[in-house]
């Protein structure tokens, strides 16, 4: 299979936040799809946690306890999650949080995983920030994301999932990966990123241009 033939499902969670004695829990989930270059929504839902959302978390995503009244628990959404992600490569930007929250479904078998944070660092090592919002804006992809989601705003699970797929589509295009073997996405070389990070204090980053060594970053 080639990269351009892969069906992708991006997943994103927003969380209740952490604090002393508090275990983090999800309060929103979204899944979006990328098929043959076309981004399409899967589903999104608020989630009922077992405790209140922290003030710090609400300040980031704007989701308060009042919005979660009557929402399902994550385990209640297993049939929808399975249907939306089954048979697809799973995409997340900084995938650790998504993998952690999906542990509520033991042996779910989702994957392979594609972390767009890792790919962005490989293709654009010179960016000042590789966070999803900052990278999408720096690369001129925000309007594209906004057109796909009316009322687009960052730190909404649906908007962030869609934006990660817009970013992935862009990375595949600029790195010329569409015809590459699918396994290429799991063989990212971050040497250029770490070299650029060391040089950052001495040279101005050229935003919006892929790494000159992009071909070498994907063996």
C-alpha atoms as a PDB file:
ATOM      1  CA  UNK A   1       0.000   0.000   0.000  1.00  0.00           C
ATOM      2  CA  UNK A   2       1.145   3.543  -0.764  1.00  0.00           C
ATOM      3  CA  UNK A   3       0.747   6.550   1.534  1.00  0.00           C
ATOM      4  CA  UNK A   4      -1.767   8.103  -0.864  1.00  0.00           C
ATOM      5  CA  UNK A   5      -3.987   5.026  -0.586  1.00  0.00           C
ATOM      6  CA  UNK A   6      -4.272   5.018   3.216  1.00  0.00           C
ATOM      7  CA  UNK A   7      -7.609   5.802   4.882  1.00  0.00           C
ATOM      8  CA  UNK A   8      -6.917   7.953   7.951  1.00  0.00           C
ATOM      9  CA  UNK A   9      -8.957   8.732  11.065  1.00  0.00           C
ATOM     10  CA  UNK A  10      -7.807  11.649  13.213  1.00  0.00           C
ATOM     11  CA  UNK A  11      -8.815  11.574  16.855  1.00  0.00           C
ATOM     12  CA  UNK A  12      -8.680  14.384  19.387  1.00  0.00           C
ATOM     13  CA  UNK A  13      -9.701  14.712  23.027  1.00  0.00           C
ATOM     14  CA  UNK A  14     -10.202  17.699  25.304  1.00  0.00           C
ATOM     15  CA  UNK A  15      -9.700  16.947  28.969  1.00  0.00           C
ATOM     16  CA  UNK A  16     -10.986  17.808  32.420  1.00  0.00           C
ATOM     17  CA  UNK A  17      -7.488  18.864  33.487  1.00  0.00           C
ATOM     18  CA  UNK A  18      -5.179  17.683  36.210  1.00  0.00           C
ATOM     19  CA  UNK A  19      -4.352  18.779  39.727  1.00  0.00           C
ATOM     20  CA  UNK A  20      -3.228  17.372  43.076  1.00  0.00           C
ATOM     21  CA  UNK A  21      -4.909  14.014  43.525  1.00  0.00           C
ATOM     22  CA  UNK A  22      -6.789  14.312  40.212  1.00  0.00           C
ATOM     23  CA  UNK A  23      -6.553  11.815  37.369  1.00  0.00           C
ATOM     24  CA  UNK A  24      -7.164  13.425  33.983  1.00  0.00           C
ATOM     25  CA  UNK A  25     -10.323  12.429  32.119  1.00  0.00           C
ATOM     26  CA  UNK A  26     -11.699  13.312  28.673  1.00  0.00           C
ATOM     27  CA  UNK A  27     -14.623  15.736  28.319  1.00  0.00           C
ATOM     28  CA  UNK A  28     -14.841  15.825  24.514  1.00  0.00           C
ATOM     29  CA  UNK A  29     -13.937  13.459  21.683  1.00  0.00           C
ATOM     30  CA  UNK A  30     -13.928  13.886  17.928  1.00  0.00           C
ATOM     31  CA  UNK A  31     -12.940  11.716  14.989  1.00  0.00           C
ATOM     32  CA  UNK A  32     -12.497  13.024  11.431  1.00  0.00           C
ATOM     33  CA  UNK A  33     -11.537  11.174   8.249  1.00  0.00           C
ATOM     34  CA  UNK A  34      -9.101  11.669   5.381  1.00  0.00           C
ATOM     35  CA  UNK A  35      -9.850   9.591   2.305  1.00  0.00           C
ATOM     36  CA  UNK A  36      -7.959  10.086  -0.945  1.00  0.00           C
ATOM     37  CA  UNK A  37      -7.168  13.695  -0.103  1.00  0.00           C
ATOM     38  CA  UNK A  38     -10.681  14.615   1.061  1.00  0.00           C
ATOM     39  CA  UNK A  39     -11.278  15.565   4.712  1.00  0.00           C
ATOM     40  CA  UNK A  40     -14.677  14.596   6.134  1.00  0.00           C
ATOM     41  CA  UNK A  41     -16.145  14.642   9.657  1.00  0.00           C
ATOM     42  CA  UNK A  42     -16.662  11.396  11.520  1.00  0.00           C
ATOM     43  CA  UNK A  43     -18.357  12.309  14.796  1.00  0.00           C
ATOM     44  CA  UNK A  44     -17.894  14.440  17.901  1.00  0.00           C
ATOM     45  CA  UNK A  45     -19.403  14.324  21.366  1.00  0.00           C
ATOM     46  CA  UNK A  46     -19.030  15.807  24.808  1.00  0.00           C
ATOM     47  CA  UNK A  47     -18.163  13.266  27.492  1.00  0.00           C
ATOM     48  CA  UNK A  48     -19.251  12.972  31.107  1.00  0.00           C
ATOM     49  CA  UNK A  49     -16.279  12.782  33.500  1.00  0.00           C
ATOM     50  CA  UNK A  50     -16.490  11.537  37.082  1.00  0.00           C
ATOM     51  CA  UNK A  51     -15.428  14.925  38.463  1.00  0.00           C
ATOM     52  CA  UNK A  52     -15.540  18.626  37.682  1.00  0.00           C
ATOM     53  CA  UNK A  53     -13.502  20.320  34.968  1.00  0.00           C
ATOM     54  CA  UNK A  54     -10.618  22.313  36.426  1.00  0.00           C
ATOM     55  CA  UNK A  55     -10.525  26.077  36.045  1.00  0.00           C
ATOM     56  CA  UNK A  56      -7.283  25.855  34.052  1.00  0.00           C
ATOM     57  CA  UNK A  57      -8.717  23.335  31.585  1.00  0.00           C
ATOM     58  CA  UNK A  58     -11.898  25.363  31.100  1.00  0.00           C
ATOM     59  CA  UNK A  59      -9.790  28.451  30.400  1.00  0.00           C
ATOM     60  CA  UNK A  60      -8.177  26.574  27.505  1.00  0.00           C
ATOM     61  CA  UNK A  61     -11.135  24.878  25.813  1.00  0.00           C
ATOM     62  CA  UNK A  62     -14.161  26.691  27.258  1.00  0.00           C
ATOM     63  CA  UNK A  63     -15.952  23.486  28.292  1.00  0.00           C
ATOM     64  CA  UNK A  64     -17.571  23.740  31.714  1.00  0.00           C
ATOM     65  CA  UNK A  65     -19.509  21.267  33.835  1.00  0.00           C
ATOM     66  CA  UNK A  66     -22.852  22.711  32.735  1.00  0.00           C
ATOM     67  CA  UNK A  67     -22.151  21.717  29.128  1.00  0.00           C
ATOM     68  CA  UNK A  68     -21.514  18.094  30.113  1.00  0.00           C
ATOM     69  CA  UNK A  69     -24.840  17.406  31.840  1.00  0.00           C
ATOM     70  CA  UNK A  70     -26.418  14.378  30.151  1.00  0.00           C
ATOM     71  CA  UNK A  71     -23.332  13.635  28.028  1.00  0.00           C
ATOM     72  CA  UNK A  72     -22.361   9.972  27.569  1.00  0.00           C
ATOM     73  CA  UNK A  73     -19.333   8.393  29.176  1.00  0.00           C
ATOM     74  CA  UNK A  74     -16.486   7.465  26.852  1.00  0.00           C
ATOM     75  CA  UNK A  75     -17.141   3.741  27.382  1.00  0.00           C
ATOM     76  CA  UNK A  76     -20.729   4.264  26.228  1.00  0.00           C
ATOM     77  CA  UNK A  77     -19.448   5.440  22.829  1.00  0.00           C
ATOM     78  CA  UNK A  78     -17.483   2.294  22.010  1.00  0.00           C
ATOM     79  CA  UNK A  79     -19.659   1.309  19.000  1.00  0.00           C
ATOM     80  CA  UNK A  80     -19.265   4.789  17.432  1.00  0.00           C
ATOM     81  CA  UNK A  81     -15.551   4.980  18.176  1.00  0.00           C
ATOM     82  CA  UNK A  82     -14.959   1.512  16.743  1.00  0.00           C
ATOM     83  CA  UNK A  83     -16.974   2.247  13.596  1.00  0.00           C
ATOM     84  CA  UNK A  84     -15.220   5.561  13.003  1.00  0.00           C
ATOM     85  CA  UNK A  85     -11.683   4.203  13.482  1.00  0.00           C
ATOM     86  CA  UNK A  86     -11.786   0.564  12.402  1.00  0.00           C
ATOM     87  CA  UNK A  87      -9.488  -0.287   9.502  1.00  0.00           C
ATOM     88  CA  UNK A  88      -7.899   3.181   9.371  1.00  0.00           C
ATOM     89  CA  UNK A  89      -4.497   4.582  10.259  1.00  0.00           C
ATOM     90  CA  UNK A  90      -4.972   6.715  13.355  1.00  0.00           C
ATOM     91  CA  UNK A  91      -3.774  10.334  13.341  1.00  0.00           C
ATOM     92  CA  UNK A  92      -3.148  12.621  16.308  1.00  0.00           C
ATOM     93  CA  UNK A  93      -0.959  15.649  16.954  1.00  0.00           C
ATOM     94  CA  UNK A  94       1.127  14.586  19.927  1.00  0.00           C
ATOM     95  CA  UNK A  95      -0.521  11.184  20.203  1.00  0.00           C
ATOM     96  CA  UNK A  96       0.309  10.376  23.836  1.00  0.00           C
ATOM     97  CA  UNK A  97      -2.917  11.873  25.242  1.00  0.00           C
ATOM     98  CA  UNK A  98      -5.134  10.120  22.707  1.00  0.00           C
ATOM     99  CA  UNK A  99      -3.425   6.775  23.299  1.00  0.00           C
ATOM    100  CA  UNK A 100      -3.790   7.206  27.061  1.00  0.00           C
ATOM    101  CA  UNK A 101      -7.512   7.963  26.968  1.00  0.00           C
ATOM    102  CA  UNK A 102      -8.171   5.071  24.574  1.00  0.00           C
ATOM    103  CA  UNK A 103      -6.898   2.643  27.206  1.00  0.00           C
ATOM    104  CA  UNK A 104     -10.472   2.579  28.478  1.00  0.00           C
ATOM    105  CA  UNK A 105     -10.997   0.182  25.539  1.00  0.00           C
ATOM    106  CA  UNK A 106      -8.506  -2.638  26.277  1.00  0.00           C
ATOM    107  CA  UNK A 107      -7.195  -4.485  23.217  1.00  0.00           C
ATOM    108  CA  UNK A 108      -8.937  -2.056  20.860  1.00  0.00           C
ATOM    109  CA  UNK A 109      -6.354  -2.768  18.148  1.00  0.00           C
ATOM    110  CA  UNK A 110      -6.437   0.698  16.544  1.00  0.00           C
ATOM    111  CA  UNK A 111      -3.446   1.656  14.419  1.00  0.00           C
ATOM    112  CA  UNK A 112      -0.946   2.083  12.903  1.00  0.00           C
ATOM    113  CA  UNK A 113      -0.537   5.555  14.437  1.00  0.00           C
ATOM    114  CA  UNK A 114       0.668   8.673  12.630  1.00  0.00           C
ATOM    115  CA  UNK A 115       1.779  11.547  14.861  1.00  0.00           C
ATOM    116  CA  UNK A 116       1.571  14.815  12.907  1.00  0.00           C
ATOM    117  CA  UNK A 117       3.705  16.512  15.571  1.00  0.00           C
ATOM    118  CA  UNK A 118       6.584  14.195  14.679  1.00  0.00           C
ATOM    119  CA  UNK A 119       6.008  14.610  10.933  1.00  0.00           C
ATOM    120  CA  UNK A 120       5.854  18.395  11.188  1.00  0.00           C
ATOM    121  CA  UNK A 121       9.140  18.455  13.065  1.00  0.00           C
ATOM    122  CA  UNK A 122      10.710  16.328  10.323  1.00  0.00           C
ATOM    123  CA  UNK A 123       9.441  18.317   7.343  1.00  0.00           C
ATOM    124  CA  UNK A 124       9.630  21.786   8.935  1.00  0.00           C
ATOM    125  CA  UNK A 125      12.378  21.579  11.576  1.00  0.00           C
ATOM    126  CA  UNK A 126      12.834  25.370  11.443  1.00  0.00           C
ATOM    127  CA  UNK A 127       9.370  26.345  12.691  1.00  0.00           C
ATOM    128  CA  UNK A 128       9.418  28.353  15.911  1.00  0.00           C
ATOM    129  CA  UNK A 129       6.653  26.132  17.329  1.00  0.00           C
ATOM    130  CA  UNK A 130       5.348  22.760  16.207  1.00  0.00           C
ATOM    131  CA  UNK A 131       2.167  22.921  18.294  1.00  0.00           C
ATOM    132  CA  UNK A 132      -0.878  22.233  16.121  1.00  0.00           C
ATOM    133  CA  UNK A 133      -2.371  25.723  16.076  1.00  0.00           C
ATOM    134  CA  UNK A 134       0.931  27.520  15.627  1.00  0.00           C
ATOM    135  CA  UNK A 135       2.113  25.169  12.873  1.00  0.00           C
ATOM    136  CA  UNK A 136      -1.162  25.360  10.946  1.00  0.00           C
ATOM    137  CA  UNK A 137      -1.127  29.161  11.105  1.00  0.00           C
ATOM    138  CA  UNK A 138       2.567  29.448  10.188  1.00  0.00           C
ATOM    139  CA  UNK A 139       2.067  27.211   7.154  1.00  0.00           C
ATOM    140  CA  UNK A 140      -0.965  29.158   5.909  1.00  0.00           C
ATOM    141  CA  UNK A 141      -3.422  26.304   6.485  1.00  0.00           C
ATOM    142  CA  UNK A 142      -5.846  27.914   8.925  1.00  0.00           C
ATOM    143  CA  UNK A 143      -8.291  29.219   6.320  1.00  0.00           C
ATOM    144  CA  UNK A 144      -8.440  25.765   4.771  1.00  0.00           C
ATOM    145  CA  UNK A 145      -9.311  24.329   8.180  1.00  0.00           C
ATOM    146  CA  UNK A 146     -11.901  27.048   8.843  1.00  0.00           C
ATOM    147  CA  UNK A 147     -13.681  26.311   5.564  1.00  0.00           C
ATOM    148  CA  UNK A 148     -14.162  22.695   6.627  1.00  0.00           C
ATOM    149  CA  UNK A 149     -15.641  23.492  10.054  1.00  0.00           C
ATOM    150  CA  UNK A 150     -18.109  26.393  10.400  1.00  0.00           C
ATOM    151  CA  UNK A 151     -17.354  28.328  13.569  1.00  0.00           C
ATOM    152  CA  UNK A 152     -13.848  26.901  13.710  1.00  0.00           C
ATOM    153  CA  UNK A 153     -11.975  27.480  16.965  1.00  0.00           C
ATOM    154  CA  UNK A 154      -8.857  25.959  18.445  1.00  0.00           C
ATOM    155  CA  UNK A 155      -9.105  23.541  21.383  1.00  0.00           C
ATOM    156  CA  UNK A 156     -12.403  22.153  20.141  1.00  0.00           C
ATOM    157  CA  UNK A 157     -11.897  18.425  19.554  1.00  0.00           C
ATOM    158  CA  UNK A 158     -13.643  18.403  16.159  1.00  0.00           C
ATOM    159  CA  UNK A 159     -11.781  21.474  14.901  1.00  0.00           C
ATOM    160  CA  UNK A 160      -8.422  20.161  16.079  1.00  0.00           C
ATOM    161  CA  UNK A 161      -9.021  16.727  14.527  1.00  0.00           C
ATOM    162  CA  UNK A 162      -9.889  18.304  11.173  1.00  0.00           C
ATOM    163  CA  UNK A 163      -6.900  20.651  11.377  1.00  0.00           C
ATOM    164  CA  UNK A 164      -4.546  17.739  12.026  1.00  0.00           C
ATOM    165  CA  UNK A 165      -5.776  16.091   8.816  1.00  0.00           C
ATOM    166  CA  UNK A 166      -5.360  19.317   6.834  1.00  0.00           C
ATOM    167  CA  UNK A 167      -1.819  19.448   8.196  1.00  0.00           C
ATOM    168  CA  UNK A 168      -1.178  15.772   7.369  1.00  0.00           C
ATOM    169  CA  UNK A 169      -2.443  16.248   3.807  1.00  0.00           C
ATOM    170  CA  UNK A 170      -0.104  19.211   3.408  1.00  0.00           C
ATOM    171  CA  UNK A 171       2.891  17.308   4.815  1.00  0.00           C
ATOM    172  CA  UNK A 172       2.301  14.362   2.480  1.00  0.00           C
ATOM    173  CA  UNK A 173       2.150  16.751  -0.483  1.00  0.00           C
ATOM    174  CA  UNK A 174       5.218  18.893   0.265  1.00  0.00           C
ATOM    175  CA  UNK A 175       7.361  15.879   1.203  1.00  0.00           C
ATOM    176  CA  UNK A 176       6.252  13.989  -1.927  1.00  0.00           C
ATOM    177  CA  UNK A 177       5.045  10.986   0.044  1.00  0.00           C
ATOM    178  CA  UNK A 178       1.865  10.037  -1.836  1.00  0.00           C
ATOM    179  CA  UNK A 179       3.621   7.347  -3.873  1.00  0.00           C
ATOM    180  CA  UNK A 180       5.896   6.211  -1.040  1.00  0.00           C
ATOM    181  CA  UNK A 181       5.291   2.911   0.775  1.00  0.00           C
ATOM    182  CA  UNK A 182       2.840   3.305   3.666  1.00  0.00           C
ATOM    183  CA  UNK A 183       5.509   2.262   6.172  1.00  0.00           C
ATOM    184  CA  UNK A 184       7.380   5.487   5.366  1.00  0.00           C
ATOM    185  CA  UNK A 185       5.102   7.374   7.769  1.00  0.00           C
ATOM    186  CA  UNK A 186       6.500   5.321  10.639  1.00  0.00           C
ATOM    187  CA  UNK A 187      10.159   5.905   9.695  1.00  0.00           C
ATOM    188  CA  UNK A 188      10.478   9.620  10.345  1.00  0.00           C
ATOM    189  CA  UNK A 189      14.024  10.924  10.834  1.00  0.00           C
ATOM    190  CA  UNK A 190      14.163  13.865  13.260  1.00  0.00           C
ATOM    191  CA  UNK A 191      17.878  14.647  12.879  1.00  0.00           C
ATOM    192  CA  UNK A 192      17.111  17.874  10.990  1.00  0.00           C
ATOM    193  CA  UNK A 193      14.689  18.993  13.707  1.00  0.00           C
ATOM    194  CA  UNK A 194      17.203  18.577  16.505  1.00  0.00           C
ATOM    195  CA  UNK A 195      19.880  20.309  14.447  1.00  0.00           C
ATOM    196  CA  UNK A 196      17.528  23.213  13.746  1.00  0.00           C
ATOM    197  CA  UNK A 197      16.618  23.490  17.409  1.00  0.00           C
ATOM    198  CA  UNK A 198      20.289  23.911  18.273  1.00  0.00           C
ATOM    199  CA  UNK A 199      20.701  26.583  15.595  1.00  0.00           C
ATOM    200  CA  UNK A 200      17.509  28.479  16.427  1.00  0.00           C
ATOM    201  CA  UNK A 201      19.193  31.044  18.670  1.00  0.00           C
ATOM    202  CA  UNK A 202      21.692  31.867  15.907  1.00  0.00           C
ATOM    203  CA  UNK A 203      19.547  31.919  12.759  1.00  0.00           C
ATOM    204  CA  UNK A 204      16.070  33.187  11.865  1.00  0.00           C
ATOM    205  CA  UNK A 205      13.660  30.397  10.852  1.00  0.00           C
ATOM    206  CA  UNK A 206      12.200  30.557   7.361  1.00  0.00           C
ATOM    207  CA  UNK A 207       8.535  29.869   8.103  1.00  0.00           C
ATOM    208  CA  UNK A 208       6.324  28.296   5.491  1.00  0.00           C
ATOM    209  CA  UNK A 209       9.071  26.425   3.603  1.00  0.00           C
ATOM    210  CA  UNK A 210       9.718  22.708   3.977  1.00  0.00           C
ATOM    211  CA  UNK A 211      13.105  21.515   5.103  1.00  0.00           C
ATOM    212  CA  UNK A 212      15.673  21.540   2.341  1.00  0.00           C
ATOM    213  CA  UNK A 213      16.497  17.988   3.392  1.00  0.00           C
ATOM    214  CA  UNK A 214      12.892  16.772   3.475  1.00  0.00           C
ATOM    215  CA  UNK A 215      13.678  13.858   1.152  1.00  0.00           C
ATOM    216  CA  UNK A 216      16.321  12.614   3.565  1.00  0.00           C
ATOM    217  CA  UNK A 217      13.892  12.812   6.470  1.00  0.00           C
ATOM    218  CA  UNK A 218      11.766   9.983   5.054  1.00  0.00           C
ATOM    219  CA  UNK A 219      13.932   6.978   4.148  1.00  0.00           C
END
